[in-house]
Amino acid sequence: MTLKRIDEVAADTVRMDGVEGVTMRLLIGREDGAPNFAMRQFTVQPGGHTPLHQHNYEHEVLVQGGFGEVQMGEQSHPLTVGSVLLVPANLTHQFRNTGDEPLQFICMVPVSFDCSGQCQPVPGS
């Protein structure tokens, strides 16, 4: 069993093309013995965003704080505390902070997810 607090996990700066003002905490992953899913917390600073990207697996998101929007395909949708969403596999998406405070969300993905080479920005974005 793994039990810890979010504030005990170091936040790493996300360094990818198309990212602005984003950190990530790997809350539960392979090192914790998770066989199937990884739980990550993202913080997007005001004016920041994740890359416009897609990948071949779904992920689930729970917004914990702040305000923003998510682009899913050609549509944008508002995000507020308590918003939950499913991002289907292969759908182009991007999270943007449109508020004055950090946008925070939990994101669940397959434990085998490794952003090196699998999380690619969409060409021309």
Protein backbone atom coordinates (compact mmCIF):
# COMPACT_ATOMS: atom_id res chain seq x y z
CA MET A 1 0.00 0.00 0.00
CA THR A 2 1.13 3.54 -0.74
CA LEU A 3 -0.13 6.46 1.31
CA LYS A 4 1.24 9.98 0.99
CA ARG A 5 0.17 13.59 0.76
CA ILE A 6 0.17 15.66 -2.42
CA ASP A 7 2.43 18.28 -0.83
CA GLU A 8 5.05 15.58 -0.12
CA VAL A 9 5.54 14.97 -3.85
CA ALA A 10 7.95 17.25 -5.70
CA ALA A 11 6.51 19.30 -8.57
CA ASP A 12 8.57 19.06 -11.75
CA THR A 13 8.46 21.68 -14.50
CA VAL A 14 6.97 20.24 -17.69
CA ARG A 15 9.50 20.86 -20.46
CA MET A 16 8.00 20.25 -23.88
CA ASP A 17 7.46 22.31 -27.00
CA GLY A 18 4.17 24.16 -26.71
CA VAL A 19 4.06 24.25 -22.87
CA GLU A 20 3.90 27.45 -20.86
CA GLY A 21 3.86 27.61 -17.05
CA VAL A 22 3.03 23.98 -16.20
CA THR A 23 4.29 21.73 -13.40
CA MET A 24 3.44 18.09 -12.70
CA ARG A 25 3.53 15.87 -9.63
CA LEU A 26 3.58 12.10 -10.23
CA LEU A 27 1.40 11.12 -7.27
CA ILE A 28 1.15 7.38 -7.92
CA GLY A 29 3.11 5.46 -10.54
CA ARG A 30 5.28 2.45 -11.25
CA GLU A 31 7.66 3.21 -8.38
CA ASP A 32 4.69 2.94 -6.01
CA GLY A 33 3.83 -0.50 -7.38
CA ALA A 34 0.83 0.65 -9.46
CA PRO A 35 0.25 -2.05 -12.08
CA ASN A 36 -2.24 -0.24 -14.34
CA PHE A 37 -2.71 3.50 -13.77
CA ALA A 38 -0.65 6.56 -12.94
CA MET A 39 -2.14 9.52 -11.06
CA ARG A 40 -0.66 12.91 -11.81
CA GLN A 41 -1.46 16.43 -10.62
CA PHE A 42 -0.88 19.29 -13.03
CA THR A 43 -0.68 22.97 -12.10
CA VAL A 44 -1.04 25.50 -14.91
CA GLN A 45 -0.13 29.08 -13.99
CA PRO A 46 -2.32 32.03 -15.10
CA GLY A 47 -1.85 32.47 -18.85
CA GLY A 48 -0.20 29.05 -19.11
CA HIS A 49 -1.16 26.00 -21.14
CA THR A 50 -0.27 22.43 -21.97
CA PRO A 51 0.75 21.59 -25.53
CA LEU A 52 -1.90 20.97 -28.17
CA HIS A 53 -1.35 17.22 -28.46
CA GLN A 54 -2.84 13.77 -28.84
CA HIS A 55 -1.91 10.22 -27.85
CA ASN A 56 -3.21 6.70 -28.30
CA TYR A 57 -4.76 6.25 -24.85
CA GLU A 58 -7.62 7.83 -22.92
CA HIS A 59 -7.22 9.81 -19.76
CA GLU A 60 -9.56 11.07 -17.08
CA VAL A 61 -9.32 14.50 -15.48
CA LEU A 62 -10.69 16.07 -12.27
CA VAL A 63 -10.30 19.85 -11.82
CA GLN A 64 -9.27 20.72 -8.24
CA GLY A 65 -8.72 24.47 -8.44
CA GLY A 66 -8.80 27.53 -10.63
CA PHE A 67 -10.51 28.27 -13.92
CA GLY A 68 -9.63 27.40 -17.48
CA GLU A 69 -10.70 25.77 -20.66
CA VAL A 70 -9.96 22.60 -22.50
CA GLN A 71 -9.79 22.36 -26.25
CA MET A 72 -10.99 18.94 -27.40
CA GLY A 73 -10.81 18.57 -31.14
CA GLU A 74 -12.26 21.75 -32.63
CA GLN A 75 -14.31 22.70 -29.54
CA SER A 76 -13.38 24.52 -26.33
CA HIS A 77 -15.14 23.90 -23.02
CA PRO A 78 -14.93 25.82 -19.71
CA LEU A 79 -13.29 24.17 -16.69
CA THR A 80 -14.10 24.98 -13.07
CA VAL A 81 -13.53 23.24 -9.74
CA GLY A 82 -15.32 19.90 -9.84
CA SER A 83 -15.28 19.53 -13.63
CA VAL A 84 -14.58 15.95 -14.69
CA LEU A 85 -13.85 14.84 -18.21
CA LEU A 86 -12.81 11.91 -20.33
CA VAL A 87 -10.29 12.68 -23.05
CA PRO A 88 -10.66 9.85 -25.59
CA ALA A 89 -7.63 8.27 -27.23
CA ASN A 90 -6.30 10.10 -30.30
CA LEU A 91 -8.34 13.28 -29.70
CA THR A 92 -6.33 16.50 -30.00
CA HIS A 93 -6.54 18.43 -26.72
CA GLN A 94 -5.02 21.28 -24.71
CA PHE A 95 -5.63 22.70 -21.21
CA ARG A 96 -5.40 26.49 -20.75
CA ASN A 97 -5.58 28.63 -17.61
CA THR A 98 -7.95 31.54 -18.20
CA GLY A 99 -8.12 32.71 -14.59
CA ASP A 100 -6.05 34.67 -12.09
CA GLU A 101 -5.01 31.70 -9.93
CA PRO A 102 -3.35 28.38 -10.72
CA LEU A 103 -5.48 25.81 -12.56
CA GLN A 104 -4.95 22.42 -10.88
CA PHE A 105 -6.19 19.07 -12.06
CA ILE A 106 -5.68 15.37 -11.45
CA CYS A 107 -5.03 13.29 -14.56
CA MET A 108 -5.17 9.48 -14.70
CA VAL A 109 -3.28 7.66 -17.48
CA PRO A 110 -1.92 4.16 -18.09
CA VAL A 111 1.07 3.54 -15.83
CA SER A 112 3.21 2.84 -18.89
CA PHE A 113 2.77 6.48 -20.03
CA ASP A 114 6.11 8.13 -20.61
CA CYS A 115 6.00 11.59 -22.14
CA SER A 116 9.36 11.04 -23.84
CA GLY A 117 8.20 10.28 -27.35
CA GLN A 118 4.52 9.55 -26.66
CA CYS A 119 3.14 13.00 -25.92
CA GLN A 120 3.71 14.87 -29.12
CA PRO A 121 2.38 18.34 -29.95
CA VAL A 122 0.19 18.53 -33.03
CA PRO A 123 2.21 19.77 -36.05
CA GLY A 124 1.66 23.46 -36.72
CA SER A 125 0.43 24.23 -33.21
